[in-house]
Amino acid sequence: MEKDYKKAFASNLRLLIGEMSVNEFSKKIGIPQQTLSRYLLCQREVTLENLCKIADYFDEEIDVLIGRKQ
């Protein structure tokens, strides 16, 4: 059974962003708002570069972000 990493990432990203708007977060991190929205809607796979930006911003492990670890 293959794990759906896009769904896990979207869920974890939603939790980390919290009350911040997607637009506000996109400006802080330097990823276009439309791209972040597509990640949150599971319409696009996150690039390695953007995954690293997000992990660094939240000081979180990539494996946690994509749901491989808790």
Foldseek 3Di string as FASTA:
>chain_A
DDDDLLQLLLVLVCVLCDPPDLCRVCVVQVHDSVVNVCSNVSNDDDDPVVLVSVCVVSVHDSCNNSVVDD
